[in-house]
Amino acid sequence: MKHFVAIAGNIGVGKSTLASLLSDELGWDPYQLQGLEEVVFRR
């Protein structure tokens, strides 16, 4: 069974740092979805 952890938050709050710490502690491989930072929401 595969497990996934999603991390969300504002810019500069430490999402990448948390992902790195979790991957080291749990022995998981981090995976970052590319392009999501470029999403523009329009009305």
N, C-alpha and C. Protein backbone atom coordinates (compact mmCIF):
# COMPACT_ATOMS: atom_id res chain seq x y z
N MET A 1 0.85 -1.17 0.00
CA MET A 1 0.00 0.00 0.00
C MET A 1 0.90 1.24 0.00
N LYS A 2 0.60 2.18 -0.88
CA LYS A 2 1.37 3.42 -0.93
C LYS A 2 0.72 4.47 -0.04
N HIS A 3 1.57 5.28 0.55
CA HIS A 3 1.10 6.38 1.38
C HIS A 3 1.58 7.69 0.79
N PHE A 4 0.77 8.71 0.90
CA PHE A 4 1.12 10.03 0.41
C PHE A 4 0.90 11.05 1.51
N VAL A 5 1.77 12.02 1.57
CA VAL A 5 1.62 13.14 2.49
C VAL A 5 1.64 14.40 1.65
N ALA A 6 0.63 15.22 1.79
CA ALA A 6 0.57 16.50 1.07
C ALA A 6 0.89 17.62 2.05
N ILE A 7 1.71 18.55 1.60
CA ILE A 7 2.09 19.69 2.42
C ILE A 7 1.66 20.95 1.68
N ALA A 8 0.89 21.78 2.33
CA ALA A 8 0.43 23.03 1.72
C ALA A 8 0.67 24.18 2.68
N GLY A 9 0.86 25.35 2.13
CA GLY A 9 1.06 26.53 2.97
C GLY A 9 1.49 27.72 2.16
N ASN A 10 1.56 28.83 2.81
CA ASN A 10 1.96 30.08 2.16
C ASN A 10 3.44 30.06 1.79
N ILE A 11 3.83 31.00 0.97
CA ILE A 11 5.22 31.13 0.55
C ILE A 11 6.08 31.46 1.77
N GLY A 12 7.19 30.74 1.89
CA GLY A 12 8.17 31.04 2.93
C GLY A 12 7.90 30.49 4.31
N VAL A 13 6.95 29.57 4.44
CA VAL A 13 6.64 29.03 5.77
C VAL A 13 7.40 27.75 6.10
N GLY A 14 8.16 27.22 5.13
CA GLY A 14 8.99 26.05 5.41
C GLY A 14 8.47 24.73 4.86
N LYS A 15 7.68 24.77 3.81
CA LYS A 15 7.15 23.53 3.23
C LYS A 15 8.27 22.61 2.74
N SER A 16 9.24 23.17 2.04
CA SER A 16 10.35 22.36 1.53
C SER A 16 11.19 21.80 2.66
N THR A 17 11.42 22.59 3.69
CA THR A 17 12.18 22.13 4.85
C THR A 17 11.44 20.99 5.54
N LEU A 18 10.14 21.14 5.74
CA LEU A 18 9.34 20.09 6.36
C LEU A 18 9.36 18.82 5.52
N ALA A 19 9.22 18.96 4.20
CA ALA A 19 9.25 17.79 3.33
C ALA A 19 10.59 17.07 3.44
N SER A 20 11.66 17.82 3.50
CA SER A 20 13.00 17.23 3.63
C SER A 20 13.15 16.50 4.97
N LEU A 21 12.71 17.12 6.04
CA LEU A 21 12.78 16.50 7.36
C LEU A 21 11.94 15.22 7.43
N LEU A 22 10.73 15.28 6.88
CA LEU A 22 9.86 14.11 6.89
C LEU A 22 10.45 12.97 6.06
N SER A 23 10.99 13.30 4.89
CA SER A 23 11.55 12.25 4.04
C SER A 23 12.76 11.59 4.71
N ASP A 24 13.58 12.38 5.41
CA ASP A 24 14.72 11.82 6.13
C ASP A 24 14.25 10.93 7.29
N GLU A 25 13.29 11.40 8.04
CA GLU A 25 12.81 10.68 9.22
C GLU A 25 12.07 9.39 8.86
N LEU A 26 11.25 9.46 7.81
CA LEU A 26 10.41 8.31 7.45
C LEU A 26 11.05 7.41 6.40
N GLY A 27 12.15 7.88 5.79
CA GLY A 27 12.79 7.09 4.75
C GLY A 27 12.02 7.08 3.45
N TRP A 28 11.22 8.09 3.24
CA TRP A 28 10.43 8.20 2.01
C TRP A 28 11.17 9.04 0.99
N ASP A 29 10.78 8.88 -0.27
CA ASP A 29 11.33 9.71 -1.34
C ASP A 29 10.39 10.89 -1.58
N PRO A 30 10.89 12.11 -1.45
CA PRO A 30 10.02 13.26 -1.70
C PRO A 30 9.73 13.39 -3.19
N TYR A 31 8.53 13.85 -3.50
CA TYR A 31 8.11 14.06 -4.88
C TYR A 31 7.39 15.39 -4.95
N GLN A 32 7.86 16.26 -5.81
CA GLN A 32 7.24 17.57 -5.94
C GLN A 32 6.57 17.66 -7.29
N LEU A 33 5.30 18.01 -7.29
CA LEU A 33 4.59 18.21 -8.55
C LEU A 33 5.11 19.48 -9.20
N GLN A 34 5.56 19.36 -10.40
CA GLN A 34 6.13 20.50 -11.11
C GLN A 34 5.01 21.34 -11.73
N GLY A 35 5.22 22.64 -11.74
CA GLY A 35 4.29 23.54 -12.41
C GLY A 35 3.17 24.06 -11.55
N LEU A 36 2.96 23.50 -10.38
CA LEU A 36 1.85 23.97 -9.56
C LEU A 36 2.09 25.37 -9.03
N GLU A 37 3.36 25.77 -8.90
CA GLU A 37 3.66 27.12 -8.44
C GLU A 37 3.25 28.16 -9.48
N GLU A 38 3.07 27.70 -10.72
CA GLU A 38 2.76 28.61 -11.82
C GLU A 38 1.26 28.78 -12.05
N VAL A 39 0.45 28.10 -11.27
CA VAL A 39 -0.99 28.16 -11.48
C VAL A 39 -1.51 29.56 -11.18
N VAL A 40 -2.29 30.08 -12.11
CA VAL A 40 -2.91 31.40 -11.94
C VAL A 40 -4.41 31.19 -11.85
N PHE A 41 -5.01 31.71 -10.80
CA PHE A 41 -6.46 31.61 -10.63
C PHE A 41 -7.10 32.88 -11.17
N ARG A 42 -8.11 32.69 -11.98
CA ARG A 42 -8.81 33.83 -12.57
C ARG A 42 -10.29 33.71 -12.28
N ARG A 43 -10.92 34.87 -12.23
CA ARG A 43 -12.38 34.87 -12.03
C ARG A 43 -13.09 34.64 -13.32
